[in-house]
Amino acid sequence: MVEKALEDIAEKILALDEASLTGLWEKYKTKLEHFEATREWERATIIFFIINSVKVKNSIFNKRIIERQSETPESKKAPLNVPYLKRIK
């Protein structure tokens, strides 16, 4: 039950736009820094880390896509600057 709830939350978060979330980052950072023993502060803390999580996820995702795109059959060959050496007896 808890896992299903978390998966549902993750789906909703994935539907959010990173640019919109980034616009809220400073607001929730400020709320996080001004501790109050309230439910509002707790929610602000969770929201702040959700925003950071989306940013980190997108950063990792983009990096991996770029790495995959640069992996061509030619890149798996020996680098061009390494001389070809042949042993002669």
PDB file of N, CA and C in Angstrom:
ATOM      1  N   MET A   1       0.818  -1.195   0.000  1.00  0.00           N
ATOM      2  CA  MET A   1       0.000   0.000   0.000  1.00  0.00           C
ATOM      3  C   MET A   1       0.863   1.260   0.000  1.00  0.00           C
ATOM      4  N   VAL A   2       1.882   1.294   0.842  1.00  0.00           N
ATOM      5  CA  VAL A   2       2.776   2.446   0.900  1.00  0.00           C
ATOM      6  C   VAL A   2       3.549   2.570  -0.412  1.00  0.00           C
ATOM      7  N   GLU A   3       4.015   1.431  -0.922  1.00  0.00           N
ATOM      8  CA  GLU A   3       4.777   1.455  -2.171  1.00  0.00           C
ATOM      9  C   GLU A   3       3.916   1.987  -3.321  1.00  0.00           C
ATOM     10  N   LYS A   4       2.685   1.577  -3.392  1.00  0.00           N
ATOM     11  CA  LYS A   4       1.760   2.045  -4.438  1.00  0.00           C
ATOM     12  C   LYS A   4       1.545   3.542  -4.310  1.00  0.00           C
ATOM     13  N   ALA A   5       1.388   4.032  -3.091  1.00  0.00           N
ATOM     14  CA  ALA A   5       1.204   5.468  -2.869  1.00  0.00           C
ATOM     15  C   ALA A   5       2.436   6.239  -3.344  1.00  0.00           C
ATOM     16  N   LEU A   6       3.629   5.711  -3.044  1.00  0.00           N
ATOM     17  CA  LEU A   6       4.863   6.369  -3.484  1.00  0.00           C
ATOM     18  C   LEU A   6       4.993   6.358  -5.002  1.00  0.00           C
ATOM     19  N   GLU A   7       4.609   5.246  -5.625  1.00  0.00           N
ATOM     20  CA  GLU A   7       4.653   5.175  -7.087  1.00  0.00           C
ATOM     21  C   GLU A   7       3.695   6.188  -7.708  1.00  0.00           C
ATOM     22  N   ASP A   8       2.529   6.352  -7.122  1.00  0.00           N
ATOM     23  CA  ASP A   8       1.565   7.337  -7.614  1.00  0.00           C
ATOM     24  C   ASP A   8       2.116   8.763  -7.468  1.00  0.00           C
ATOM     25  N   ILE A   9       2.729   9.027  -6.345  1.00  0.00           N
ATOM     26  CA  ILE A   9       3.342  10.343  -6.126  1.00  0.00           C
ATOM     27  C   ILE A   9       4.447  10.581  -7.149  1.00  0.00           C
ATOM     28  N   ALA A  10       5.275   9.565  -7.389  1.00  0.00           N
ATOM     29  CA  ALA A  10       6.368   9.690  -8.361  1.00  0.00           C
ATOM     30  C   ALA A  10       5.824   9.987  -9.758  1.00  0.00           C
ATOM     31  N   GLU A  11       4.750   9.333 -10.146  1.00  0.00           N
ATOM     32  CA  GLU A  11       4.143   9.590 -11.459  1.00  0.00           C
ATOM     33  C   GLU A  11       3.667  11.030 -11.569  1.00  0.00           C
ATOM     34  N   LYS A  12       3.070  11.530 -10.518  1.00  0.00           N
ATOM     35  CA  LYS A  12       2.595  12.921 -10.523  1.00  0.00           C
ATOM     36  C   LYS A  12       3.775  13.892 -10.613  1.00  0.00           C
ATOM     37  N   ILE A  13       4.836  13.588  -9.897  1.00  0.00           N
ATOM     38  CA  ILE A  13       6.011  14.460  -9.907  1.00  0.00           C
ATOM     39  C   ILE A  13       6.679  14.438 -11.280  1.00  0.00           C
ATOM     40  N   LEU A  14       6.744  13.265 -11.909  1.00  0.00           N
ATOM     41  CA  LEU A  14       7.345  13.163 -13.238  1.00  0.00           C
ATOM     42  C   LEU A  14       6.579  13.987 -14.273  1.00  0.00           C
ATOM     43  N   ALA A  15       5.316  14.234 -14.035  1.00  0.00           N
ATOM     44  CA  ALA A  15       4.508  15.027 -14.958  1.00  0.00           C
ATOM     45  C   ALA A  15       4.753  16.529 -14.812  1.00  0.00           C
ATOM     46  N   LEU A  16       5.450  16.928 -13.761  1.00  0.00           N
ATOM     47  CA  LEU A  16       5.705  18.351 -13.525  1.00  0.00           C
ATOM     48  C   LEU A  16       6.880  18.829 -14.366  1.00  0.00           C
ATOM     49  N   ASP A  17       6.825  20.091 -14.726  1.00  0.00           N
ATOM     50  CA  ASP A  17       7.857  20.716 -15.539  1.00  0.00           C
ATOM     51  C   ASP A  17       9.011  21.191 -14.659  1.00  0.00           C
ATOM     52  N   GLU A  18      10.244  20.808 -15.031  1.00  0.00           N
ATOM     53  CA  GLU A  18      11.398  21.190 -14.220  1.00  0.00           C
ATOM     54  C   GLU A  18      11.557  22.702 -14.137  1.00  0.00           C
ATOM     55  N   ALA A  19      11.290  23.405 -15.212  1.00  0.00           N
ATOM     56  CA  ALA A  19      11.436  24.867 -15.196  1.00  0.00           C
ATOM     57  C   ALA A  19      10.491  25.502 -14.171  1.00  0.00           C
ATOM     58  N   SER A  20       9.275  25.001 -14.105  1.00  0.00           N
ATOM     59  CA  SER A  20       8.318  25.523 -13.120  1.00  0.00           C
ATOM     60  C   SER A  20       8.779  25.204 -11.707  1.00  0.00           C
ATOM     61  N   LEU A  21       9.284  23.988 -11.508  1.00  0.00           N
ATOM     62  CA  LEU A  21       9.783  23.598 -10.186  1.00  0.00           C
ATOM     63  C   LEU A  21      10.979  24.451  -9.786  1.00  0.00           C
ATOM     64  N   THR A  22      11.872  24.705 -10.743  1.00  0.00           N
ATOM     65  CA  THR A  22      13.070  25.498 -10.453  1.00  0.00           C
ATOM     66  C   THR A  22      12.684  26.910 -10.014  1.00  0.00           C
ATOM     67  N   GLY A  23      11.591  27.417 -10.568  1.00  0.00           N
ATOM     68  CA  GLY A  23      11.112  28.732 -10.164  1.00  0.00           C
ATOM     69  C   GLY A  23      10.667  28.785  -8.707  1.00  0.00           C
ATOM     70  N   LEU A  24      10.319  27.638  -8.159  1.00  0.00           N
ATOM     71  CA  LEU A  24       9.883  27.565  -6.758  1.00  0.00           C
ATOM     72  C   LEU A  24      11.022  27.229  -5.794  1.00  0.00           C
ATOM     73  N   TRP A  25      12.170  26.874  -6.335  1.00  0.00           N
ATOM     74  CA  TRP A  25      13.291  26.390  -5.529  1.00  0.00           C
ATOM     75  C   TRP A  25      13.687  27.391  -4.441  1.00  0.00           C
ATOM     76  N   GLU A  26      13.860  28.645  -4.800  1.00  0.00           N
ATOM     77  CA  GLU A  26      14.312  29.665  -3.836  1.00  0.00           C
ATOM     78  C   GLU A  26      13.286  29.865  -2.719  1.00  0.00           C
ATOM     79  N   LYS A  27      12.006  29.866  -3.079  1.00  0.00           N
ATOM     80  CA  LYS A  27      10.934  30.033  -2.088  1.00  0.00           C
ATOM     81  C   LYS A  27      11.011  28.948  -1.014  1.00  0.00           C
ATOM     82  N   TYR A  28      11.149  27.696  -1.457  1.00  0.00           N
ATOM     83  CA  TYR A  28      11.157  26.597  -0.497  1.00  0.00           C
ATOM     84  C   TYR A  28      12.494  26.463   0.216  1.00  0.00           C
ATOM     85  N   LYS A  29      13.571  26.916  -0.417  1.00  0.00           N
ATOM     86  CA  LYS A  29      14.865  26.947   0.259  1.00  0.00           C
ATOM     87  C   LYS A  29      14.795  27.915   1.444  1.00  0.00           C
ATOM     88  N   THR A  30      14.180  29.068   1.220  1.00  0.00           N
ATOM     89  CA  THR A  30      14.028  30.065   2.281  1.00  0.00           C
ATOM     90  C   THR A  30      13.182  29.518   3.430  1.00  0.00           C
ATOM     91  N   LYS A  31      12.087  28.852   3.087  1.00  0.00           N
ATOM     92  CA  LYS A  31      11.230  28.263   4.134  1.00  0.00           C
ATOM     93  C   LYS A  31      11.982  27.188   4.913  1.00  0.00           C
ATOM     94  N   LEU A  32      12.771  26.394   4.205  1.00  0.00           N
ATOM     95  CA  LEU A  32      13.552  25.335   4.848  1.00  0.00           C
ATOM     96  C   LEU A  32      14.563  25.919   5.826  1.00  0.00           C
ATOM     97  N   GLU A  33      15.189  27.005   5.447  1.00  0.00           N
ATOM     98  CA  GLU A  33      16.224  27.622   6.283  1.00  0.00           C
ATOM     99  C   GLU A  33      15.673  28.289   7.539  1.00  0.00           C
ATOM    100  N   HIS A  34      14.408  28.638   7.520  1.00  0.00           N
ATOM    101  CA  HIS A  34      13.782  29.281   8.681  1.00  0.00           C
ATOM    102  C   HIS A  34      12.935  28.248   9.418  1.00  0.00           C
ATOM    103  N   PHE A  35      13.615  27.464  10.224  1.00  0.00           N
ATOM    104  CA  PHE A  35      12.960  26.355  10.919  1.00  0.00           C
ATOM    105  C   PHE A  35      11.841  26.824  11.831  1.00  0.00           C
ATOM    106  N   GLU A  36      10.735  26.115  11.711  1.00  0.00           N
ATOM    107  CA  GLU A  36       9.607  26.244  12.632  1.00  0.00           C
ATOM    108  C   GLU A  36       9.101  24.831  12.872  1.00  0.00           C
ATOM    109  N   ALA A  37       8.725  24.524  14.059  1.00  0.00           N
ATOM    110  CA  ALA A  37       8.215  23.186  14.370  1.00  0.00           C
ATOM    111  C   ALA A  37       6.748  23.095  13.964  1.00  0.00           C
ATOM    112  N   THR A  38       6.515  23.239  12.637  1.00  0.00           N
ATOM    113  CA  THR A  38       5.153  23.216  12.123  1.00  0.00           C
ATOM    114  C   THR A  38       5.039  22.228  10.962  1.00  0.00           C
ATOM    115  N   ARG A  39       3.823  21.866  10.672  1.00  0.00           N
ATOM    116  CA  ARG A  39       3.551  20.981   9.539  1.00  0.00           C
ATOM    117  C   ARG A  39       3.899  21.702   8.226  1.00  0.00           C
ATOM    118  N   GLU A  40       3.693  23.009   8.196  1.00  0.00           N
ATOM    119  CA  GLU A  40       4.019  23.796   6.994  1.00  0.00           C
ATOM    120  C   GLU A  40       5.514  23.718   6.694  1.00  0.00           C
ATOM    121  N   TRP A  41       6.356  23.822   7.722  1.00  0.00           N
ATOM    122  CA  TRP A  41       7.801  23.707   7.513  1.00  0.00           C
ATOM    123  C   TRP A  41       8.158  22.308   7.001  1.00  0.00           C
ATOM    124  N   GLU A  42       7.522  21.292   7.553  1.00  0.00           N
ATOM    125  CA  GLU A  42       7.774  19.920   7.110  1.00  0.00           C
ATOM    126  C   GLU A  42       7.407  19.745   5.638  1.00  0.00           C
ATOM    127  N   ARG A  43       6.245  20.271   5.239  1.00  0.00           N
ATOM    128  CA  ARG A  43       5.837  20.193   3.826  1.00  0.00           C
ATOM    129  C   ARG A  43       6.817  20.935   2.939  1.00  0.00           C
ATOM    130  N   ALA A  44       7.239  22.110   3.373  1.00  0.00           N
ATOM    131  CA  ALA A  44       8.198  22.906   2.592  1.00  0.00           C
ATOM    132  C   ALA A  44       9.506  22.142   2.413  1.00  0.00           C
ATOM    133  N   THR A  45       9.928  21.439   3.438  1.00  0.00           N
ATOM    134  CA  THR A  45      11.157  20.648   3.371  1.00  0.00           C
ATOM    135  C   THR A  45      11.018  19.527   2.349  1.00  0.00           C
ATOM    136  N   ILE A  46       9.913  18.835   2.391  1.00  0.00           N
ATOM    137  CA  ILE A  46       9.660  17.753   1.433  1.00  0.00           C
ATOM    138  C   ILE A  46       9.609  18.316   0.013  1.00  0.00           C
ATOM    139  N   ILE A  47       8.923  19.421  -0.178  1.00  0.00           N
ATOM    140  CA  ILE A  47       8.822  20.041  -1.508  1.00  0.00           C
ATOM    141  C   ILE A  47      10.197  20.442  -2.013  1.00  0.00           C
ATOM    142  N   PHE A  48      11.000  21.048  -1.143  1.00  0.00           N
ATOM    143  CA  PHE A  48      12.357  21.460  -1.536  1.00  0.00           C
ATOM    144  C   PHE A  48      13.163  20.265  -2.037  1.00  0.00           C
ATOM    145  N   PHE A  49      13.092  19.153  -1.320  1.00  0.00           N
ATOM    146  CA  PHE A  49      13.858  17.979  -1.731  1.00  0.00           C
ATOM    147  C   PHE A  49      13.256  17.286  -2.951  1.00  0.00           C
ATOM    148  N   ILE A  50      11.975  17.401  -3.151  1.00  0.00           N
ATOM    149  CA  ILE A  50      11.366  16.891  -4.384  1.00  0.00           C
ATOM    150  C   ILE A  50      11.896  17.681  -5.575  1.00  0.00           C
ATOM    151  N   ILE A  51      11.925  18.998  -5.442  1.00  0.00           N
ATOM    152  CA  ILE A  51      12.453  19.841  -6.525  1.00  0.00           C
ATOM    153  C   ILE A  51      13.900  19.453  -6.826  1.00  0.00           C
ATOM    154  N   ASN A  52      14.706  19.302  -5.778  1.00  0.00           N
ATOM    155  CA  ASN A  52      16.097  18.902  -5.984  1.00  0.00           C
ATOM    156  C   ASN A  52      16.194  17.522  -6.625  1.00  0.00           C
ATOM    157  N   SER A  53      15.334  16.618  -6.232  1.00  0.00           N
ATOM    158  CA  SER A  53      15.345  15.264  -6.792  1.00  0.00           C
ATOM    159  C   SER A  53      15.060  15.280  -8.286  1.00  0.00           C
ATOM    160  N   VAL A  54      14.092  16.082  -8.693  1.00  0.00           N
ATOM    161  CA  VAL A  54      13.764  16.175 -10.117  1.00  0.00           C
ATOM    162  C   VAL A  54      14.952  16.755 -10.886  1.00  0.00           C
ATOM    163  N   LYS A  55      15.588  17.777 -10.321  1.00  0.00           N
ATOM    164  CA  LYS A  55      16.743  18.382 -10.987  1.00  0.00           C
ATOM    165  C   LYS A  55      17.892  17.378 -11.125  1.00  0.00           C
ATOM    166  N   VAL A  56      18.162  16.629 -10.081  1.00  0.00           N
ATOM    167  CA  VAL A  56      19.233  15.630 -10.118  1.00  0.00           C
ATOM    168  C   VAL A  56      18.880  14.517 -11.096  1.00  0.00           C
ATOM    169  N   LYS A  57      17.638  14.046 -11.047  1.00  0.00           N
ATOM    170  CA  LYS A  57      17.194  12.990 -11.969  1.00  0.00           C
ATOM    171  C   LYS A  57      17.377  13.425 -13.412  1.00  0.00           C
ATOM    172  N   ASN A  58      16.970  14.651 -13.729  1.00  0.00           N
ATOM    173  CA  ASN A  58      17.099  15.152 -15.099  1.00  0.00           C
ATOM    174  C   ASN A  58      18.558  15.309 -15.507  1.00  0.00           C
ATOM    175  N   SER A  59      19.376  15.742 -14.585  1.00  0.00           N
ATOM    176  CA  SER A  59      20.807  15.886 -14.869  1.00  0.00           C
ATOM    177  C   SER A  59      21.432  14.534 -15.201  1.00  0.00           C
ATOM    178  N   ILE A  60      21.150  13.539 -14.392  1.00  0.00           N
ATOM    179  CA  ILE A  60      21.679  12.188 -14.638  1.00  0.00           C
ATOM    180  C   ILE A  60      21.128  11.643 -15.952  1.00  0.00           C
ATOM    181  N   PHE A  61      19.837  11.819 -16.172  1.00  0.00           N
ATOM    182  CA  PHE A  61      19.184  11.332 -17.388  1.00  0.00           C
ATOM    183  C   PHE A  61      19.843  11.933 -18.629  1.00  0.00           C
ATOM    184  N   ASN A  62      20.003  13.263 -18.626  1.00  0.00           N
ATOM    185  CA  ASN A  62      20.601  13.943 -19.778  1.00  0.00           C
ATOM    186  C   ASN A  62      22.043  13.509 -20.008  1.00  0.00           C
ATOM    187  N   LYS A  63      22.790  13.345 -18.929  1.00  0.00           N
ATOM    188  CA  LYS A  63      24.180  12.909 -19.047  1.00  0.00           C
ATOM    189  C   LYS A  63      24.253  11.525 -19.685  1.00  0.00           C
ATOM    190  N   ARG A  64      23.402  10.626 -19.244  1.00  0.00           N
ATOM    191  CA  ARG A  64      23.401   9.252 -19.783  1.00  0.00           C
ATOM    192  C   ARG A  64      22.988   9.231 -21.252  1.00  0.00           C
ATOM    193  N   ILE A  65      22.026  10.059 -21.621  1.00  0.00           N
ATOM    194  CA  ILE A  65      21.605  10.128 -23.028  1.00  0.00           C
ATOM    195  C   ILE A  65      22.760  10.609 -23.893  1.00  0.00           C
ATOM    196  N   ILE A  66      23.456  11.640 -23.432  1.00  0.00           N
ATOM    197  CA  ILE A  66      24.597  12.158 -24.192  1.00  0.00           C
ATOM    198  C   ILE A  66      25.680  11.096 -24.307  1.00  0.00           C
ATOM    199  N   GLU A  67      25.941  10.377 -23.218  1.00  0.00           N
ATOM    200  CA  GLU A  67      26.944   9.308 -23.257  1.00  0.00           C
ATOM    201  C   GLU A  67      26.551   8.226 -24.254  1.00  0.00           C
ATOM    202  N   ARG A  68      25.300   7.851 -24.278  1.00  0.00           N
ATOM    203  CA  ARG A  68      24.843   6.809 -25.208  1.00  0.00           C
ATOM    204  C   ARG A  68      24.947   7.273 -26.652  1.00  0.00           C
ATOM    205  N   GLN A  69      24.632   8.528 -26.895  1.00  0.00           N
ATOM    206  CA  GLN A  69      24.696   9.051 -28.253  1.00  0.00           C
ATOM    207  C   GLN A  69      26.130   9.135 -28.762  1.00  0.00           C
ATOM    208  N   SER A  70      27.069   9.320 -27.857  1.00  0.00           N
ATOM    209  CA  SER A  70      28.468   9.411 -28.267  1.00  0.00           C
ATOM    210  C   SER A  70      29.116   8.036 -28.418  1.00  0.00           C
ATOM    211  N   GLU A  71      28.419   6.989 -28.001  1.00  0.00           N
ATOM    212  CA  GLU A  71      28.922   5.624 -28.150  1.00  0.00           C
ATOM    213  C   GLU A  71      28.568   5.106 -29.534  1.00  0.00           C
ATOM    214  N   THR A  72      29.450   5.373 -30.492  1.00  0.00           N
ATOM    215  CA  THR A  72      29.253   4.870 -31.849  1.00  0.00           C
ATOM    216  C   THR A  72      30.230   3.734 -32.077  1.00  0.00           C
ATOM    217  N   PRO A  73      30.013   2.915 -33.087  1.00  0.00           N
ATOM    218  CA  PRO A  73      30.971   1.832 -33.360  1.00  0.00           C
ATOM    219  C   PRO A  73      32.390   2.356 -33.576  1.00  0.00           C
ATOM    220  N   GLU A  74      32.519   3.546 -34.135  1.00  0.00           N
ATOM    221  CA  GLU A  74      33.846   4.123 -34.366  1.00  0.00           C
ATOM    222  C   GLU A  74      34.547   4.457 -33.051  1.00  0.00           C
ATOM    223  N   SER A  75      33.768   4.873 -32.032  1.00  0.00           N
ATOM    224  CA  SER A  75      34.382   5.244 -30.764  1.00  0.00           C
ATOM    225  C   SER A  75      34.907   4.036 -30.002  1.00  0.00           C
ATOM    226  N   LYS A  76      34.484   2.835 -30.394  1.00  0.00           N
ATOM    227  CA  LYS A  76      34.953   1.633 -29.725  1.00  0.00           C
ATOM    228  C   LYS A  76      36.259   1.119 -30.332  1.00  0.00           C
ATOM    229  N   LYS A  77      36.663   1.710 -31.474  1.00  0.00           N
ATOM    230  CA  LYS A  77      37.934   1.343 -32.090  1.00  0.00           C
ATOM    231  C   LYS A  77      39.064   2.013 -31.315  1.00  0.00           C
ATOM    232  N   ALA A  78      40.292   1.596 -31.610  1.00  0.00           N
ATOM    233  CA  ALA A  78      41.450   2.205 -30.955  1.00  0.00           C
ATOM    234  C   ALA A  78      41.487   3.693 -31.302  1.00  0.00           C
ATOM    235  N   PRO A  79      41.842   4.528 -30.351  1.00  0.00           N
ATOM    236  CA  PRO A  79      41.931   5.963 -30.626  1.00  0.00           C
ATOM    237  C   PRO A  79      42.922   6.240 -31.750  1.00  0.00           C
ATOM    238  N   LEU A  80      42.638   7.270 -32.534  1.00  0.00           N
ATOM    239  CA  LEU A  80      43.471   7.581 -33.694  1.00  0.00           C
ATOM    240  C   LEU A  80      44.872   8.045 -33.319  1.00  0.00           C
ATOM    241  N   ASN A  81      45.041   8.639 -32.171  1.00  0.00           N
ATOM    242  CA  ASN A  81      46.345   9.159 -31.786  1.00  0.00           C
ATOM    243  C   ASN A  81      47.292   8.085 -31.254  1.00  0.00           C
ATOM    244  N   VAL A  82      46.830   6.854 -31.135  1.00  0.00           N
ATOM    245  CA  VAL A  82      47.677   5.757 -30.681  1.00  0.00           C
ATOM    246  C   VAL A  82      48.285   5.099 -31.925  1.00  0.00           C
ATOM    247  N   PRO A  83      49.600   5.088 -32.017  1.00  0.00           N
ATOM    248  CA  PRO A  83      50.214   4.511 -33.207  1.00  0.00           C
ATOM    249  C   PRO A  83      49.981   3.001 -33.275  1.00  0.00           C
ATOM    250  N   TYR A  84      49.848   2.507 -34.470  1.00  0.00           N
ATOM    251  CA  TYR A  84      49.685   1.075 -34.660  1.00  0.00           C
ATOM    252  C   TYR A  84      51.072   0.462 -34.628  1.00  0.00           C
ATOM    253  N   LEU A  85      51.311  -0.425 -33.695  1.00  0.00           N
ATOM    254  CA  LEU A  85      52.618  -1.067 -33.557  1.00  0.00           C
ATOM    255  C   LEU A  85      52.531  -2.498 -34.028  1.00  0.00           C
ATOM    256  N   LYS A  86      53.548  -2.896 -34.737  1.00  0.00           N
ATOM    257  CA  LYS A  86      53.594  -4.250 -35.261  1.00  0.00           C
ATOM    258  C   LYS A  86      54.922  -4.859 -34.888  1.00  0.00           C
ATOM    259  N   ARG A  87      54.908  -6.041 -34.315  1.00  0.00           N
ATOM    260  CA  ARG A  87      56.142  -6.700 -33.903  1.00  0.00           C
ATOM    261  C   ARG A  87      56.748  -7.396 -35.104  1.00  0.00           C
ATOM    262  N   ILE A  88      57.999  -7.072 -35.357  1.00  0.00           N
ATOM    263  CA  ILE A  88      58.700  -7.680 -36.485  1.00  0.00           C
ATOM    264  C   ILE A  88      59.903  -8.436 -35.940  1.00  0.00           C
ATOM    265  N   LYS A  89      60.093  -9.666 -36.396  1.00  0.00           N
ATOM    266  CA  LYS A  89      61.235 -10.465 -35.950  1.00  0.00           C
ATOM    267  C   LYS A  89      62.262 -10.523 -37.025  1.00  0.00           C
TER     268      LYS A  89
END
